[in-house]
C-alpha atoms as a PDB file:
ATOM      1  CA  MET A   1     -12.499 -13.816  10.410  1.00  0.00           C
ATOM      2  CA  MET A   2     -12.760 -16.244   7.416  1.00  0.00           C
ATOM      3  CA  HIS A   3     -14.119 -14.763   4.169  1.00  0.00           C
ATOM      4  CA  SER A   4     -16.753 -16.665   1.797  1.00  0.00           C
ATOM      5  CA  ASN A   5     -14.844 -16.287  -1.013  1.00  0.00           C
ATOM      6  CA  ILE A   6     -11.740 -17.485  -2.965  1.00  0.00           C
ATOM      7  CA  PHE A   7      -9.374 -15.096  -3.859  1.00  0.00           C
ATOM      8  CA  GLU A   8      -6.425 -14.643  -6.477  1.00  0.00           C
ATOM      9  CA  PHE A   9      -3.076 -12.721  -5.752  1.00  0.00           C
ATOM     10  CA  SER A  10      -2.645  -9.839  -8.103  1.00  0.00           C
ATOM     11  CA  ARG A  11      -0.282 -10.408 -10.545  1.00  0.00           C
ATOM     12  CA  GLU A  12       2.070  -8.413  -9.133  1.00  0.00           C
ATOM     13  CA  HIS A  13       2.231 -10.360  -5.734  1.00  0.00           C
ATOM     14  CA  GLU A  14       5.800 -12.168  -4.328  1.00  0.00           C
ATOM     15  CA  VAL A  15       3.674 -15.168  -4.349  1.00  0.00           C
ATOM     16  CA  MET A  16       2.876 -15.149  -8.325  1.00  0.00           C
ATOM     17  CA  LYS A  17       6.113 -15.498  -9.200  1.00  0.00           C
ATOM     18  CA  THR A  18       7.638 -17.983  -7.195  1.00  0.00           C
ATOM     19  CA  PRO A  19       8.199 -21.595  -9.311  1.00  0.00           C
ATOM     20  CA  TYR A  20       5.343 -23.179  -7.007  1.00  0.00           C
ATOM     21  CA  ILE A  21       2.688 -20.604  -8.446  1.00  0.00           C
ATOM     22  CA  ARG A  22       4.652 -20.604 -11.620  1.00  0.00           C
ATOM     23  CA  GLU A  23       4.100 -24.544 -12.671  1.00  0.00           C
ATOM     24  CA  ASN A  24       0.222 -24.320 -11.516  1.00  0.00           C
ATOM     25  CA  LYS A  25      -1.408 -21.327 -11.510  1.00  0.00           C
ATOM     26  CA  SER A  26      -4.513 -22.897  -9.407  1.00  0.00           C
ATOM     27  CA  ARG A  27      -2.523 -23.094  -6.860  1.00  0.00           C
ATOM     28  CA  SER A  28      -2.795 -19.118  -6.587  1.00  0.00           C
ATOM     29  CA  TYR A  29      -6.403 -19.476  -5.813  1.00  0.00           C
ATOM     30  CA  CYS A  30      -6.798 -19.083  -1.965  1.00  0.00           C
ATOM     31  CA  GLY A  31      -9.322 -19.209   0.961  1.00  0.00           C
ATOM     32  CA  VAL A  32      -8.235 -15.714   3.128  1.00  0.00           C
ATOM     33  CA  ILE A  33      -8.536 -15.853   7.495  1.00  0.00           C
ATOM     34  CA  ASN A  34      -8.222 -12.712   8.654  1.00  0.00           C
ATOM     35  CA  ILE A  35      -6.840 -12.188  12.511  1.00  0.00           C
ATOM     36  CA  TYR A  36      -7.605  -8.821  13.988  1.00  0.00           C
ATOM     37  CA  ASN A  37      -6.829  -7.625  17.349  1.00  0.00           C
ATOM     38  CA  PHE A  38     -10.240  -6.850  19.107  1.00  0.00           C
ATOM     39  CA  LEU A  39      -9.919  -5.736  23.119  1.00  0.00           C
ATOM     40  CA  ALA A  40     -11.982  -8.431  25.249  1.00  0.00           C
ATOM     41  CA  ASP A  41     -13.607  -5.705  27.233  1.00  0.00           C
ATOM     42  CA  SER A  42     -15.351  -4.646  23.239  1.00  0.00           C
ATOM     43  CA  PHE A  43     -17.211  -7.731  23.307  1.00  0.00           C
ATOM     44  CA  LYS A  44     -17.990  -8.220  26.999  1.00  0.00           C
ATOM     45  CA  TYR A  45     -19.420  -4.914  27.333  1.00  0.00           C
ATOM     46  CA  ASN A  46     -21.068  -4.881  23.484  1.00  0.00           C
ATOM     47  CA  ARG A  47     -18.677  -1.907  22.851  1.00  0.00           C
ATOM     48  CA  ILE A  48     -19.796  -1.715  19.044  1.00  0.00           C
ATOM     49  CA  ASN A  49     -17.969   1.205  17.617  1.00  0.00           C
ATOM     50  CA  ASP A  50     -14.727  -0.198  19.393  1.00  0.00           C
ATOM     51  CA  LEU A  51     -11.979  -0.570  16.191  1.00  0.00           C
ATOM     52  CA  GLY A  52     -10.038  -3.910  15.591  1.00  0.00           C
ATOM     53  CA  TYR A  53      -6.969  -3.547  13.782  1.00  0.00           C
ATOM     54  CA  LEU A  54      -5.642  -6.155  11.036  1.00  0.00           C
ATOM     55  CA  ILE A  55      -2.335  -7.641  12.139  1.00  0.00           C
ATOM     56  CA  GLY A  56      -2.293 -10.404   9.553  1.00  0.00           C
ATOM     57  CA  ARG A  57      -4.378 -12.408   6.462  1.00  0.00           C
ATOM     58  CA  ILE A  58      -3.389 -16.332   6.211  1.00  0.00           C
ATOM     59  CA  PHE A  59      -3.855 -17.473   2.371  1.00  0.00           C
ATOM     60  CA  ILE A  60      -4.795 -21.221   2.066  1.00  0.00           C
ATOM     61  CA  ASN A  61      -4.913 -23.048  -1.362  1.00  0.00           C
ATOM     62  CA  LYS A  62      -6.446 -25.966  -2.628  1.00  0.00           C
ATOM     63  CA  GLU A  63      -3.648 -28.356  -1.870  1.00  0.00           C
ATOM     64  CA  LEU A  64      -3.502 -26.879   2.123  1.00  0.00           C
ATOM     65  CA  HIS A  65      -0.257 -24.842   1.599  1.00  0.00           C
ATOM     66  CA  TYR A  66      -0.411 -21.588   3.251  1.00  0.00           C
ATOM     67  CA  PHE A  67       1.261 -18.100   3.467  1.00  0.00           C
ATOM     68  CA  ILE A  68       0.986 -15.099   5.414  1.00  0.00           C
ATOM     69  CA  GLU A  69       1.008 -11.756   5.425  1.00  0.00           C
ATOM     70  CA  GLY A  70       1.157  -9.823   8.338  1.00  0.00           C
ATOM     71  CA  LYS A  71       2.630  -7.289  10.791  1.00  0.00           C
ATOM     72  CA  ARG A  72       6.071  -8.000  12.503  1.00  0.00           C
ATOM     73  CA  GLU A  73       6.394 -11.758  13.180  1.00  0.00           C
ATOM     74  CA  ILE A  74       3.946 -13.242  11.875  1.00  0.00           C
ATOM     75  CA  GLY A  75       4.188 -11.412   8.789  1.00  0.00           C
ATOM     76  CA  TYR A  76       7.924 -13.000   8.464  1.00  0.00           C
ATOM     77  CA  LEU A  77       7.937 -16.656   9.756  1.00  0.00           C
ATOM     78  CA  TYR A  78       5.786 -17.604   6.912  1.00  0.00           C
ATOM     79  CA  GLN A  79       6.154 -17.184   3.614  1.00  0.00           C
ATOM     80  CA  ASN A  80       7.163 -19.830   1.837  1.00  0.00           C
ATOM     81  CA  PHE A  81       3.934 -21.183   0.214  1.00  0.00           C
ATOM     82  CA  ALA A  82       5.425 -24.025  -1.136  1.00  0.00           C
ATOM     83  CA  THR A  83       6.939 -25.584   1.540  1.00  0.00           C
ATOM     84  CA  SER A  84       4.094 -24.505   4.370  1.00  0.00           C
ATOM     85  CA  ILE A  85       0.955 -26.959   4.674  1.00  0.00           C
ATOM     86  CA  ILE A  86      -1.145 -25.663   7.173  1.00  0.00           C
ATOM     87  CA  ASP A  87      -2.336 -28.319  10.216  1.00  0.00           C
ATOM     88  CA  GLU A  88      -3.031 -28.404  13.746  1.00  0.00           C
ATOM     89  CA  GLN A  89       0.878 -27.695  15.012  1.00  0.00           C
ATOM     90  CA  SER A  90       1.075 -24.434  11.882  1.00  0.00           C
ATOM     91  CA  LEU A  91      -2.235 -23.195  13.168  1.00  0.00           C
ATOM     92  CA  ARG A  92      -1.265 -23.594  16.684  1.00  0.00           C
ATOM     93  CA  THR A  93       1.831 -22.021  15.759  1.00  0.00           C
ATOM     94  CA  ILE A  94       0.286 -19.001  13.982  1.00  0.00           C
ATOM     95  CA  ILE A  95      -2.488 -18.713  16.831  1.00  0.00           C
ATOM     96  CA  GLU A  96       0.425 -17.851  19.405  1.00  0.00           C
ATOM     97  CA  SER A  97       2.017 -16.147  17.402  1.00  0.00           C
ATOM     98  CA  ALA A  98      -0.557 -13.877  16.730  1.00  0.00           C
ATOM     99  CA  ILE A  99      -1.403 -13.823  20.747  1.00  0.00           C
ATOM    100  CA  GLY A 100       2.192 -12.892  21.528  1.00  0.00           C
ATOM    101  CA  TYR A 101       2.300 -10.205  18.834  1.00  0.00           C
ATOM    102  CA  THR A 102      -1.115  -8.808  20.508  1.00  0.00           C
ATOM    103  CA  LEU A 103       0.345  -8.687  23.779  1.00  0.00           C
ATOM    104  CA  ASN A 104       2.776  -5.626  22.706  1.00  0.00           C
ATOM    105  CA  PHE A 105      -0.374  -3.387  21.681  1.00  0.00           C
ATOM    106  CA  ASP A 106      -1.140  -0.612  24.452  1.00  0.00           C
ATOM    107  CA  LEU A 107      -4.680   1.075  24.706  1.00  0.00           C
ATOM    108  CA  LEU A 108      -4.276   4.346  22.733  1.00  0.00           C
ATOM    109  CA  THR A 109      -6.945   7.196  23.790  1.00  0.00           C
ATOM    110  CA  PRO A 110      -8.359   8.335  21.182  1.00  0.00           C
ATOM    111  CA  PRO A 111      -7.613  11.938  19.338  1.00  0.00           C
ATOM    112  CA  PHE A 112      -9.074  14.662  20.938  1.00  0.00           C
ATOM    113  CA  ASP A 113     -10.291  15.642  18.223  1.00  0.00           C
ATOM    114  CA  ALA A 114     -12.285  12.977  17.808  1.00  0.00           C
ATOM    115  CA  VAL A 115     -13.925  13.032  20.900  1.00  0.00           C
ATOM    116  CA  LYS A 116     -13.904  16.672  21.883  1.00  0.00           C
ATOM    117  CA  GLU A 117     -17.755  17.331  20.602  1.00  0.00           C
ATOM    118  CA  VAL A 118     -20.687  14.727  22.196  1.00  0.00           C
ATOM    119  CA  THR A 119     -24.509  15.415  22.838  1.00  0.00           C
ATOM    120  CA  ILE A 120     -26.575  15.154  24.837  1.00  0.00           C
ATOM    121  CA  PHE A 121     -28.027  11.401  23.419  1.00  0.00           C
ATOM    122  CA  ASP A 122     -24.477  10.157  23.446  1.00  0.00           C
ATOM    123  CA  ILE A 123     -24.572  11.572  27.301  1.00  0.00           C
ATOM    124  CA  GLN A 124     -27.952   9.411  28.136  1.00  0.00           C
ATOM    125  CA  THR A 125     -27.070   6.244  26.476  1.00  0.00           C
ATOM    126  CA  THR A 126     -24.615   4.109  28.283  1.00  0.00           C
ATOM    127  CA  SER A 127     -21.285   3.686  27.447  1.00  0.00           C
ATOM    128  CA  ASP A 128     -21.300   0.868  25.954  1.00  0.00           C
ATOM    129  CA  TYR A 129     -23.009   2.482  23.340  1.00  0.00           C
ATOM    130  CA  MET A 130     -21.019   5.829  23.003  1.00  0.00           C
ATOM    131  CA  LYS A 131     -19.913   6.768  19.603  1.00  0.00           C
ATOM    132  CA  LEU A 132     -16.476   6.950  21.615  1.00  0.00           C
ATOM    133  CA  ARG A 133     -14.222   4.255  20.152  1.00  0.00           C
ATOM    134  CA  THR A 134     -11.556   2.494  21.919  1.00  0.00           C
ATOM    135  CA  GLY A 135      -8.643   0.884  20.235  1.00  0.00           C
ATOM    136  CA  LYS A 136      -5.395  -1.052  20.816  1.00  0.00           C
ATOM    137  CA  ARG A 137      -2.608   0.553  18.405  1.00  0.00           C
ATOM    138  CA  LEU A 138       0.175   2.403  21.062  1.00  0.00           C
ATOM    139  CA  GLY A 139       3.544   2.344  19.588  1.00  0.00           C
ATOM    140  CA  PHE A 140       1.956   1.390  15.813  1.00  0.00           C
ATOM    141  CA  LYS A 141       1.384   3.286  13.226  1.00  0.00           C
ATOM    142  CA  PHE A 142      -1.566   1.731  10.485  1.00  0.00           C
ATOM    143  CA  GLN A 143      -1.744   3.298   6.932  1.00  0.00           C
ATOM    144  CA  GLY A 144      -4.267   6.075   6.839  1.00  0.00           C
ATOM    145  CA  ASP A 145      -3.038   7.338  10.518  1.00  0.00           C
ATOM    146  CA  HIS A 146      -2.012  10.864  10.386  1.00  0.00           C
ATOM    147  CA  ASP A 147      -1.256  11.270  14.035  1.00  0.00           C
ATOM    148  CA  ASP A 148       2.626  11.190  14.890  1.00  0.00           C
ATOM    149  CA  ILE A 149       2.952   7.763  16.155  1.00  0.00           C
ATOM    150  CA  SER A 150       6.014   5.291  14.575  1.00  0.00           C
ATOM    151  CA  ASP A 151       5.760   1.944  13.629  1.00  0.00           C
ATOM    152  CA  GLU A 152       8.452   0.214  15.434  1.00  0.00           C
END
């Protein structure tokens, strides 16, 4: 998902401390592409309440230099803002890394307390529109999670 606005990194962000940005502060203004992991069935069956998880953000500046913040290999491989230039090959590599990362996600059942009550309306509507959310995150802990799943 590409955002329609331009963003700048906070003053405390590591990118702002690099010589590349210190030479020309306008290089810190970037467009952002968010990479989310959704279940294919969520789109196929129009399950609008299903969750997608942010796995990476691509920041691209006016010089087509890019930096990625993200989970695991997505976040580790693409951190040299001064030398990384976005092109067809780098986009292909990023997409392949994102797909590889998402293949390791397993379907996680919602917490029992989140689905222990249901209304007659929920039962009478199709399962595509029920409030029972589905998400893919087994083995991964995201900020705001309160269960005992550990981050691998």
